[in-house]
Each structure stands twice: as structure tokens, then as C-alpha cells.
Amino acid sequence: MRHVLPPLEVIQETRSGEDGIGGIESRGLLRLGLSESHPD
């Protein structure tokens, strides 16, 4: 049986971690915002 989504405990941990899902999302949003504000 495959687990599509990790347990809530893992999600909460990774969301607060830099290399977790939340970190990736916030970095992606930051990059989008920075590229829009300061195009290189």
C-alpha cells in the first residue's frame, strides 16, 4: 500500500523546516516575488 501523503506529524515538521515542503514553497514564492519586483 502506497502512502500518497505523509502523516500529519511529518507535514508539520517539514513545514517548519527549511528543506521541508513549506521551505520549498516559501522559497518558490520568494523567488517569484523577487523576480517580479527585481527582474534580472
N, C-alpha and C. Protein backbone atom coordinates (compact mmCIF):
# COMPACT_ATOMS: atom_id res chain seq x y z
N MET A 1 0.85 -1.20 0.00
CA MET A 1 0.00 0.00 0.00
C MET A 1 0.88 1.25 0.00
N ARG A 2 0.54 2.18 -0.89
CA ARG A 2 1.34 3.40 -1.00
C ARG A 2 0.69 4.53 -0.22
N HIS A 3 1.54 5.29 0.47
CA HIS A 3 1.05 6.47 1.18
C HIS A 3 1.28 7.68 0.28
N VAL A 4 0.21 8.25 -0.22
CA VAL A 4 0.35 9.40 -1.12
C VAL A 4 0.81 10.62 -0.34
N LEU A 5 0.21 10.85 0.82
CA LEU A 5 0.59 11.98 1.66
C LEU A 5 1.22 11.46 2.94
N PRO A 6 2.27 12.14 3.43
CA PRO A 6 2.89 11.74 4.69
C PRO A 6 1.96 12.04 5.85
N PRO A 7 2.21 11.42 6.99
CA PRO A 7 1.39 11.67 8.18
C PRO A 7 1.43 13.15 8.56
N LEU A 8 0.40 13.57 9.30
CA LEU A 8 0.32 14.98 9.72
C LEU A 8 1.56 15.40 10.48
N GLU A 9 2.07 14.51 11.32
CA GLU A 9 3.26 14.86 12.11
C GLU A 9 4.42 15.22 11.19
N VAL A 10 4.59 14.45 10.13
CA VAL A 10 5.70 14.70 9.21
C VAL A 10 5.47 16.01 8.48
N ILE A 11 4.23 16.26 8.07
CA ILE A 11 3.91 17.50 7.36
C ILE A 11 4.21 18.70 8.25
N GLN A 12 3.79 18.64 9.51
CA GLN A 12 4.02 19.76 10.43
C GLN A 12 5.51 19.98 10.63
N GLU A 13 6.28 18.89 10.69
CA GLU A 13 7.72 19.03 10.89
C GLU A 13 8.37 19.65 9.67
N THR A 14 8.01 19.13 8.49
CA THR A 14 8.67 19.62 7.27
C THR A 14 8.24 21.04 6.96
N ARG A 15 7.02 21.40 7.31
CA ARG A 15 6.56 22.76 7.02
C ARG A 15 7.38 23.78 7.79
N SER A 16 7.86 23.39 8.97
CA SER A 16 8.65 24.33 9.77
C SER A 16 10.13 24.23 9.42
N GLY A 17 10.51 23.20 8.66
CA GLY A 17 11.91 23.02 8.29
C GLY A 17 12.24 23.69 6.98
N GLU A 18 13.49 24.10 6.84
CA GLU A 18 13.89 24.82 5.63
C GLU A 18 13.84 23.92 4.41
N ASP A 19 14.24 22.65 4.59
CA ASP A 19 14.30 21.74 3.45
C ASP A 19 13.00 20.97 3.29
N GLY A 20 12.00 21.31 4.09
CA GLY A 20 10.72 20.61 4.01
C GLY A 20 9.83 21.19 2.93
N ILE A 21 8.60 20.69 2.89
CA ILE A 21 7.65 21.15 1.88
C ILE A 21 7.41 22.65 2.02
N GLY A 22 7.21 23.12 3.24
CA GLY A 22 6.96 24.53 3.47
C GLY A 22 8.14 25.39 3.05
N GLY A 23 9.34 24.90 3.33
CA GLY A 23 10.52 25.66 2.94
C GLY A 23 10.62 25.81 1.44
N ILE A 24 10.35 24.72 0.73
CA ILE A 24 10.41 24.77 -0.73
C ILE A 24 9.36 25.72 -1.26
N GLU A 25 8.16 25.65 -0.69
CA GLU A 25 7.07 26.51 -1.15
C GLU A 25 7.40 27.98 -0.89
N SER A 26 7.87 28.29 0.32
CA SER A 26 8.16 29.69 0.64
C SER A 26 9.32 30.20 -0.20
N ARG A 27 10.30 29.34 -0.46
CA ARG A 27 11.42 29.79 -1.30
C ARG A 27 10.94 30.02 -2.73
N GLY A 28 10.04 29.16 -3.21
CA GLY A 28 9.49 29.32 -4.55
C GLY A 28 8.71 30.62 -4.66
N LEU A 29 7.91 30.91 -3.63
CA LEU A 29 7.12 32.15 -3.64
C LEU A 29 8.05 33.36 -3.54
N LEU A 30 9.11 33.23 -2.73
CA LEU A 30 10.06 34.33 -2.60
C LEU A 30 10.73 34.60 -3.94
N ARG A 31 11.11 33.52 -4.63
CA ARG A 31 11.78 33.68 -5.92
C ARG A 31 10.84 34.36 -6.91
N LEU A 32 9.57 33.93 -6.91
CA LEU A 32 8.60 34.54 -7.82
C LEU A 32 8.44 36.02 -7.50
N GLY A 33 8.30 36.33 -6.21
CA GLY A 33 8.12 37.72 -5.81
C GLY A 33 9.35 38.56 -6.13
N LEU A 34 10.54 37.99 -5.89
CA LEU A 34 11.77 38.73 -6.16
C LEU A 34 11.96 38.94 -7.65
N SER A 35 11.65 37.92 -8.45
CA SER A 35 11.84 38.05 -9.90
C SER A 35 10.86 39.06 -10.47
N GLU A 36 9.67 39.16 -9.85
CA GLU A 36 8.69 40.14 -10.33
C GLU A 36 9.10 41.55 -9.91
N SER A 37 9.62 41.69 -8.69
CA SER A 37 9.99 43.01 -8.18
C SER A 37 11.32 43.46 -8.78
N HIS A 38 12.28 42.52 -8.90
CA HIS A 38 13.61 42.86 -9.40
C HIS A 38 13.98 41.91 -10.53
N PRO A 39 13.48 42.13 -11.73
CA PRO A 39 13.80 41.25 -12.86
C PRO A 39 15.28 41.34 -13.21
N ASP A 40 15.90 40.17 -13.42
CA ASP A 40 17.33 40.15 -13.77
C ASP A 40 17.48 39.94 -15.26
